[in-house]
Amino acid sequence: MNTKPSSESQIITIDVLIANDLLHTGKYRYLDVRTEEEFKKGHVDFDGVLNIPNMFNTPEGRVKNPNFLEEVLRVSTKDDHLIVGCQSGVRSVTATVDLLDAGFKHAYNMGGGYLALVQNGLPVAVAAGDTKTSPASPLPMVNHSLIK
């Protein structure tokens, strides 16, 4: 009988507050696996955040991105430390399993996803323009580093 341990049982899920701290060290990259439309509405506020959808919305429902691993490998290596997140923490589990199965050594799931980030009052960036918003404030905050 050919048995292989499930990568799902090997997933390390990181609390959103710990993920935030790890991202601030500069040794981790954030991989947002939501759709481009979701990403544009708001995402983790860090330089170099990656948006590579693991699934696409279609009229028939969600369909797995057949090029997901190839797209991730274009912008990272299997030795990079990746924190994988989505909207609520479900798609990121699937994406983390895919990454671990492909040989990524340091792929971690962010528990609760973007919703947990907002619920904890952590800053988010919105792709529509050069403004950032904080969940605690309905007014956009200008990213002064972009102003010359």
Protein backbone atom coordinates (compact mmCIF):
# COMPACT_ATOMS: atom_id res chain seq x y z
CA MET A 1 0.00 0.00 0.00
CA ASN A 2 1.41 3.36 -1.04
CA THR A 3 0.72 5.95 1.63
CA LYS A 4 2.00 9.48 1.69
CA PRO A 5 1.50 11.85 4.62
CA SER A 6 -1.05 14.53 3.81
CA SER A 7 0.42 18.00 3.39
CA GLU A 8 -2.76 19.31 4.97
CA SER A 9 -1.70 17.71 8.24
CA GLN A 10 1.67 19.47 7.90
CA ILE A 11 0.20 22.97 7.53
CA ILE A 12 1.22 25.51 10.10
CA THR A 13 -1.50 28.08 10.64
CA ILE A 14 -0.31 31.42 12.00
CA ASP A 15 -2.54 33.83 13.92
CA VAL A 16 -3.09 37.11 12.06
CA LEU A 17 -1.31 39.14 14.77
CA ILE A 18 1.74 36.86 14.65
CA ALA A 19 1.66 36.98 10.84
CA ASN A 20 1.66 40.78 11.03
CA ASP A 21 4.72 40.69 13.32
CA LEU A 22 6.54 38.23 11.05
CA LEU A 23 5.86 40.35 7.98
CA HIS A 24 7.40 43.34 9.76
CA THR A 25 10.69 41.43 10.17
CA GLY A 26 11.26 41.65 6.41
CA LYS A 27 12.02 37.92 6.20
CA TYR A 28 8.52 36.91 5.10
CA ARG A 29 6.43 37.70 2.03
CA TYR A 30 2.65 37.79 1.97
CA LEU A 31 0.92 35.79 -0.75
CA ASP A 32 -2.72 36.79 -1.18
CA VAL A 33 -4.51 34.01 -3.07
CA ARG A 34 -7.83 35.83 -3.52
CA THR A 35 -9.10 37.05 -6.87
CA GLU A 36 -7.75 40.28 -8.31
CA GLU A 37 -11.13 41.96 -7.67
CA GLU A 38 -11.05 41.00 -3.97
CA PHE A 39 -7.43 42.12 -3.69
CA LYS A 40 -8.23 45.56 -5.15
CA LYS A 41 -10.94 46.11 -2.53
CA GLY A 42 -8.36 45.76 0.25
CA HIS A 43 -5.33 43.71 1.19
CA VAL A 44 -2.52 43.37 3.71
CA ASP A 45 -0.54 46.61 3.82
CA PHE A 46 3.06 45.54 3.15
CA ASP A 47 5.54 46.31 0.42
CA GLY A 48 5.92 43.46 -2.01
CA VAL A 49 2.61 41.75 -1.26
CA LEU A 50 1.92 39.16 -3.95
CA ASN A 51 -1.54 38.55 -5.44
CA ILE A 52 -1.76 35.23 -7.23
CA PRO A 53 -5.27 33.77 -7.23
CA ASN A 54 -5.50 30.09 -6.34
CA MET A 55 -9.05 30.02 -7.72
CA PHE A 56 -11.10 32.06 -10.16
CA ASN A 57 -14.80 32.88 -9.99
CA THR A 58 -16.71 31.69 -13.03
CA PRO A 59 -20.43 31.47 -13.83
CA GLU A 60 -20.18 27.76 -12.93
CA GLY A 61 -18.52 28.51 -9.56
CA ARG A 62 -14.92 28.62 -8.39
CA VAL A 63 -12.32 26.98 -10.59
CA LYS A 64 -8.74 26.21 -9.57
CA ASN A 65 -6.05 28.35 -11.23
CA PRO A 66 -4.12 25.81 -13.34
CA ASN A 67 -1.05 28.09 -13.43
CA PHE A 68 -0.93 28.88 -9.70
CA LEU A 69 2.36 27.14 -8.90
CA GLU A 70 4.03 28.37 -12.07
CA GLU A 71 3.00 31.96 -11.27
CA VAL A 72 4.27 31.70 -7.68
CA LEU A 73 7.61 30.30 -8.90
CA ARG A 74 8.01 33.30 -11.23
CA VAL A 75 8.17 35.66 -8.25
CA SER A 76 9.57 33.51 -5.43
CA THR A 77 11.66 30.45 -4.70
CA LYS A 78 10.84 27.27 -2.82
CA ASP A 79 13.07 28.53 0.01
CA ASP A 80 11.20 31.84 0.50
CA HIS A 81 9.16 32.27 3.67
CA LEU A 82 5.57 32.81 2.50
CA ILE A 83 2.55 33.68 4.60
CA VAL A 84 -0.50 32.66 2.56
CA GLY A 85 -3.81 34.42 3.07
CA CYS A 86 -7.24 34.73 1.51
CA GLN A 87 -10.57 36.23 2.56
CA SER A 88 -11.42 33.96 5.52
CA GLY A 89 -8.74 31.28 5.68
CA VAL A 90 -10.25 28.53 3.52
CA ARG A 91 -8.63 29.07 0.10
CA SER A 92 -5.30 29.76 1.76
CA VAL A 93 -5.32 26.26 3.26
CA THR A 94 -5.74 24.78 -0.22
CA ALA A 95 -3.02 27.04 -1.63
CA THR A 96 -0.64 26.21 1.24
CA VAL A 97 -1.18 22.48 0.62
CA ASP A 98 -0.41 23.03 -3.08
CA LEU A 99 2.80 24.89 -2.19
CA LEU A 100 3.95 22.28 0.33
CA ASP A 101 3.19 19.45 -2.13
CA ALA A 102 5.29 21.31 -4.74
CA GLY A 103 8.28 21.44 -2.40
CA PHE A 104 7.99 24.87 -0.82
CA LYS A 105 9.69 24.57 2.56
CA HIS A 106 8.31 27.62 4.36
CA ALA A 107 4.66 28.18 3.39
CA TYR A 108 2.39 29.14 6.28
CA ASN A 109 -1.37 29.66 6.34
CA MET A 110 -2.68 32.89 7.92
CA GLY A 111 -5.68 31.90 10.02
CA GLY A 112 -8.83 33.93 9.49
CA GLY A 113 -7.53 35.65 6.36
CA TYR A 114 -8.27 39.23 5.40
CA LEU A 115 -11.40 39.30 7.56
CA ALA A 116 -9.34 38.56 10.70
CA LEU A 117 -6.89 41.27 9.66
CA VAL A 118 -9.71 43.84 9.50
CA GLN A 119 -11.33 42.57 12.73
CA ASN A 120 -8.03 43.09 14.55
CA GLY A 121 -7.72 46.68 13.30
CA LEU A 122 -4.55 46.09 11.30
CA PRO A 123 -3.86 48.47 8.40
CA VAL A 124 -4.99 47.55 4.93
CA ALA A 125 -4.17 48.99 1.53
CA VAL A 126 -6.65 49.55 -1.27
CA ALA A 127 -5.40 49.11 -4.84
CA ALA A 128 -7.66 51.87 -6.23
CA GLY A 129 -5.20 54.77 -6.13
CA ASP A 130 -2.38 55.71 -3.79
CA THR A 131 -4.39 55.76 -0.60
CA LYS A 132 -4.42 53.48 2.38
CA THR A 133 -7.28 52.93 4.74
CA SER A 134 -7.41 51.65 8.24
CA PRO A 135 -10.40 49.55 9.30
CA ALA A 136 -10.74 51.82 12.33
CA SER A 137 -11.05 54.92 10.16
CA PRO A 138 -13.48 55.33 7.25
CA LEU A 139 -11.34 58.13 5.78
CA PRO A 140 -8.45 57.27 3.47
CA MET A 141 -4.97 58.01 4.73
CA VAL A 142 -2.55 59.36 2.13
CA ASN A 143 0.65 57.36 1.75
CA HIS A 144 3.06 60.27 2.21
CA SER A 145 6.03 58.26 0.96
CA LEU A 146 4.47 58.46 -2.51
CA ILE A 147 4.22 62.27 -2.45
CA LYS A 148 7.24 64.17 -3.76
